[in-house]
Amino acid sequence: MSTTVDPGEVELSAIRAQGPGGQNVNKVSCAVHLRFDIAASSLPQALKERLLALSDRRITQDGVLVLKAQRSRSLEQNKEDALRRLQELVDSVAELPAPRRPTRPTRSSQRKRMDAKTTRGQTKALRGKVSE
């Protein structure tokens, strides 16, 4: 299931990048803040719920996803990077996880575990004081 994000629902704003770079960092706004309101988007309801259920610090309490892209010195490349990362996040939520089928330990593995516990207990019991 491939759902693309509508670029019209994304708010991009240019900000100054952090980190080293000298005078260029101080005067050029080439980093990008991407804001995506999950609840107001045109994504299917199931995807919205899975996105909001993520324990991701980039999602605010209001349900707005905020991404910061500042890898490149080019504003256009940072915009493309932010949109690509948003699409990757939506695609990762679009895949349903495989349902977990609980398994039981085999009788042999249970027996081995109990034998190991018994052996370990006997070893510890022999460490006590010697009674004469």
C-alpha atoms as a PDB file:
ATOM      1  CA  MET A   1       0.000   0.000   0.000  1.00  0.00           C
ATOM      2  CA  SER A   2       1.793   3.106  -1.225  1.00  0.00           C
ATOM      3  CA  THR A   3       0.316   6.399  -0.100  1.00  0.00           C
ATOM      4  CA  THR A   4       2.034   9.577  -1.207  1.00  0.00           C
ATOM      5  CA  VAL A   5       1.963  12.734   0.852  1.00  0.00           C
ATOM      6  CA  ASP A   6       0.366  15.730  -0.853  1.00  0.00           C
ATOM      7  CA  PRO A   7       3.013  18.515  -0.985  1.00  0.00           C
ATOM      8  CA  GLY A   8       0.238  21.088  -0.522  1.00  0.00           C
ATOM      9  CA  GLU A   9      -0.373  19.790   3.008  1.00  0.00           C
ATOM     10  CA  VAL A  10       3.247  20.306   4.008  1.00  0.00           C
ATOM     11  CA  GLU A  11       4.473  23.608   5.421  1.00  0.00           C
ATOM     12  CA  LEU A  12       8.148  24.291   4.682  1.00  0.00           C
ATOM     13  CA  SER A  13      10.067  27.169   6.214  1.00  0.00           C
ATOM     14  CA  ALA A  14      13.721  28.114   5.780  1.00  0.00           C
ATOM     15  CA  ILE A  15      15.734  28.583   8.955  1.00  0.00           C
ATOM     16  CA  ARG A  16      19.376  29.037   9.801  1.00  0.00           C
ATOM     17  CA  ALA A  17      21.323  25.821  10.179  1.00  0.00           C
ATOM     18  CA  GLN A  18      23.217  24.904  13.334  1.00  0.00           C
ATOM     19  CA  GLY A  19      26.771  23.731  13.710  1.00  0.00           C
ATOM     20  CA  PRO A  20      30.052  24.703  12.073  1.00  0.00           C
ATOM     21  CA  GLY A  21      30.208  26.629   8.844  1.00  0.00           C
ATOM     22  CA  GLY A  22      31.547  30.028   9.748  1.00  0.00           C
ATOM     23  CA  GLN A  23      30.005  33.152   8.271  1.00  0.00           C
ATOM     24  CA  ASN A  24      27.857  31.165   5.826  1.00  0.00           C
ATOM     25  CA  VAL A  25      25.879  29.621   8.698  1.00  0.00           C
ATOM     26  CA  ASN A  26      25.284  33.007  10.274  1.00  0.00           C
ATOM     27  CA  LYS A  27      23.908  34.746   7.188  1.00  0.00           C
ATOM     28  CA  VAL A  28      22.232  32.097   4.991  1.00  0.00           C
ATOM     29  CA  SER A  29      18.982  30.301   5.864  1.00  0.00           C
ATOM     30  CA  CYS A  30      19.412  26.979   4.132  1.00  0.00           C
ATOM     31  CA  ALA A  31      18.031  24.526   6.713  1.00  0.00           C
ATOM     32  CA  VAL A  32      14.375  23.517   6.424  1.00  0.00           C
ATOM     33  CA  HIS A  33      11.653  23.022   9.027  1.00  0.00           C
ATOM     34  CA  LEU A  34       8.910  20.768   7.679  1.00  0.00           C
ATOM     35  CA  ARG A  35       5.569  20.825   9.504  1.00  0.00           C
ATOM     36  CA  PHE A  36       2.906  18.242   8.649  1.00  0.00           C
ATOM     37  CA  ASP A  37      -0.452  18.239  10.427  1.00  0.00           C
ATOM     38  CA  ILE A  38      -1.342  14.564  10.581  1.00  0.00           C
ATOM     39  CA  ALA A  39      -4.989  14.985  11.596  1.00  0.00           C
ATOM     40  CA  ALA A  40      -5.758  17.527   8.852  1.00  0.00           C
ATOM     41  CA  SER A  41      -4.014  15.548   6.105  1.00  0.00           C
ATOM     42  CA  SER A  42      -5.665  13.543   3.330  1.00  0.00           C
ATOM     43  CA  LEU A  43      -4.047  10.282   4.455  1.00  0.00           C
ATOM     44  CA  PRO A  44      -6.332   7.314   5.160  1.00  0.00           C
ATOM     45  CA  GLN A  45      -7.674   7.223   8.722  1.00  0.00           C
ATOM     46  CA  ALA A  46      -5.785   4.025   9.568  1.00  0.00           C
ATOM     47  CA  LEU A  47      -2.451   5.623   8.620  1.00  0.00           C
ATOM     48  CA  LYS A  48      -3.246   8.738  10.643  1.00  0.00           C
ATOM     49  CA  GLU A  49      -3.952   6.638  13.725  1.00  0.00           C
ATOM     50  CA  ARG A  50      -0.744   4.630  13.311  1.00  0.00           C
ATOM     51  CA  LEU A  51       1.304   7.803  12.809  1.00  0.00           C
ATOM     52  CA  LEU A  52      -0.182   9.426  15.907  1.00  0.00           C
ATOM     53  CA  ALA A  53       0.417   6.220  17.901  1.00  0.00           C
ATOM     54  CA  LEU A  54       4.169   6.354  17.206  1.00  0.00           C
ATOM     55  CA  SER A  55       6.286   7.258  20.219  1.00  0.00           C
ATOM     56  CA  ASP A  56       8.315   9.724  18.195  1.00  0.00           C
ATOM     57  CA  ARG A  57       9.527  12.957  19.766  1.00  0.00           C
ATOM     58  CA  ARG A  58       9.145  14.721  16.402  1.00  0.00           C
ATOM     59  CA  ILE A  59       5.345  14.479  16.717  1.00  0.00           C
ATOM     60  CA  THR A  60       3.906  17.202  18.948  1.00  0.00           C
ATOM     61  CA  GLN A  61       0.948  16.774  21.298  1.00  0.00           C
ATOM     62  CA  ASP A  62      -1.199  18.595  18.721  1.00  0.00           C
ATOM     63  CA  GLY A  63      -0.443  15.864  16.166  1.00  0.00           C
ATOM     64  CA  VAL A  64       1.966  17.913  14.055  1.00  0.00           C
ATOM     65  CA  LEU A  65       5.070  16.198  12.711  1.00  0.00           C
ATOM     66  CA  VAL A  66       8.118  18.497  12.704  1.00  0.00           C
ATOM     67  CA  LEU A  67      11.194  17.482  10.710  1.00  0.00           C
ATOM     68  CA  LYS A  68      14.411  19.488  10.456  1.00  0.00           C
ATOM     69  CA  ALA A  69      16.678  18.985   7.459  1.00  0.00           C
ATOM     70  CA  GLN A  70      20.115  20.600   7.456  1.00  0.00           C
ATOM     71  CA  ARG A  71      22.449  18.013   5.946  1.00  0.00           C
ATOM     72  CA  SER A  72      23.178  20.002   2.805  1.00  0.00           C
ATOM     73  CA  ARG A  73      24.246  23.584   2.190  1.00  0.00           C
ATOM     74  CA  SER A  74      21.554  23.876  -0.473  1.00  0.00           C
ATOM     75  CA  LEU A  75      18.008  24.887   0.465  1.00  0.00           C
ATOM     76  CA  GLU A  76      16.530  22.817  -2.368  1.00  0.00           C
ATOM     77  CA  GLN A  77      18.407  19.677  -1.371  1.00  0.00           C
ATOM     78  CA  ASN A  78      17.277  20.117   2.227  1.00  0.00           C
ATOM     79  CA  LYS A  79      13.651  20.495   1.079  1.00  0.00           C
ATOM     80  CA  GLU A  80      13.915  17.291  -0.943  1.00  0.00           C
ATOM     81  CA  ASP A  81      15.557  15.530   2.002  1.00  0.00           C
ATOM     82  CA  ALA A  82      12.781  16.594   4.388  1.00  0.00           C
ATOM     83  CA  LEU A  83      10.025  15.502   1.990  1.00  0.00           C
ATOM     84  CA  ARG A  84      11.797  12.175   1.389  1.00  0.00           C
ATOM     85  CA  ARG A  85      12.095  11.530   5.135  1.00  0.00           C
ATOM     86  CA  LEU A  86       8.407  12.351   5.622  1.00  0.00           C
ATOM     87  CA  GLN A  87       7.460   9.915   2.860  1.00  0.00           C
ATOM     88  CA  GLU A  88       9.687   7.218   4.391  1.00  0.00           C
ATOM     89  CA  LEU A  89       7.959   7.681   7.748  1.00  0.00           C
ATOM     90  CA  VAL A  90       4.507   7.377   6.143  1.00  0.00           C
ATOM     91  CA  ASP A  91       5.638   4.299   4.179  1.00  0.00           C
ATOM     92  CA  SER A  92       6.998   2.643   7.321  1.00  0.00           C
ATOM     93  CA  VAL A  93       3.617   3.034   9.018  1.00  0.00           C
ATOM     94  CA  ALA A  94       1.742   1.823   5.921  1.00  0.00           C
ATOM     95  CA  GLU A  95       3.201  -1.687   6.289  1.00  0.00           C
ATOM     96  CA  LEU A  96       1.210  -3.740   8.774  1.00  0.00           C
ATOM     97  CA  PRO A  97       3.386  -5.672  11.197  1.00  0.00           C
ATOM     98  CA  ALA A  98       3.064  -9.437  11.035  1.00  0.00           C
ATOM     99  CA  PRO A  99       0.778 -10.735  13.783  1.00  0.00           C
ATOM    100  CA  ARG A 100       2.612 -12.403  16.627  1.00  0.00           C
ATOM    101  CA  ARG A 101       1.839 -16.047  17.099  1.00  0.00           C
ATOM    102  CA  PRO A 102       2.796 -17.126  20.609  1.00  0.00           C
ATOM    103  CA  THR A 103       4.805 -20.322  20.910  1.00  0.00           C
ATOM    104  CA  ARG A 104       5.344 -22.666  23.816  1.00  0.00           C
ATOM    105  CA  PRO A 105       8.671 -24.109  24.925  1.00  0.00           C
ATOM    106  CA  THR A 106       9.208 -27.766  24.113  1.00  0.00           C
ATOM    107  CA  ARG A 107       9.108 -30.370  26.885  1.00  0.00           C
ATOM    108  CA  SER A 108      12.804 -31.058  26.292  1.00  0.00           C
ATOM    109  CA  SER A 109      13.786 -27.405  26.745  1.00  0.00           C
ATOM    110  CA  GLN A 110      11.685 -27.196  29.936  1.00  0.00           C
ATOM    111  CA  ARG A 111      13.403 -30.308  31.313  1.00  0.00           C
ATOM    112  CA  LYS A 112      16.872 -28.916  30.455  1.00  0.00           C
ATOM    113  CA  ARG A 113      16.022 -25.651  32.200  1.00  0.00           C
ATOM    114  CA  MET A 114      14.854 -27.404  35.360  1.00  0.00           C
ATOM    115  CA  ASP A 115      17.934 -29.658  35.387  1.00  0.00           C
ATOM    116  CA  ALA A 116      20.188 -26.607  35.071  1.00  0.00           C
ATOM    117  CA  LYS A 117      18.388 -24.916  37.966  1.00  0.00           C
ATOM    118  CA  THR A 118      18.765 -28.016  40.135  1.00  0.00           C
ATOM    119  CA  THR A 119      22.472 -28.326  39.342  1.00  0.00           C
ATOM    120  CA  ARG A 120      23.043 -24.646  40.073  1.00  0.00           C
ATOM    121  CA  GLY A 121      21.169 -24.922  43.393  1.00  0.00           C
ATOM    122  CA  GLN A 122      23.270 -27.924  44.453  1.00  0.00           C
ATOM    123  CA  THR A 123      26.470 -26.028  43.618  1.00  0.00           C
ATOM    124  CA  LYS A 124      25.363 -23.109  45.779  1.00  0.00           C
ATOM    125  CA  ALA A 125      24.283 -25.391  48.611  1.00  0.00           C
ATOM    126  CA  LEU A 126      27.788 -26.900  48.735  1.00  0.00           C
ATOM    127  CA  ARG A 127      29.262 -23.427  49.319  1.00  0.00           C
ATOM    128  CA  GLY A 128      27.749 -23.220  52.811  1.00  0.00           C
ATOM    129  CA  LYS A 129      29.546 -23.792  56.092  1.00  0.00           C
ATOM    130  CA  VAL A 130      30.692 -27.318  56.755  1.00  0.00           C
ATOM    131  CA  SER A 131      28.872 -28.902  59.679  1.00  0.00           C
ATOM    132  CA  GLU A 132      30.834 -31.500  61.627  1.00  0.00           C
END
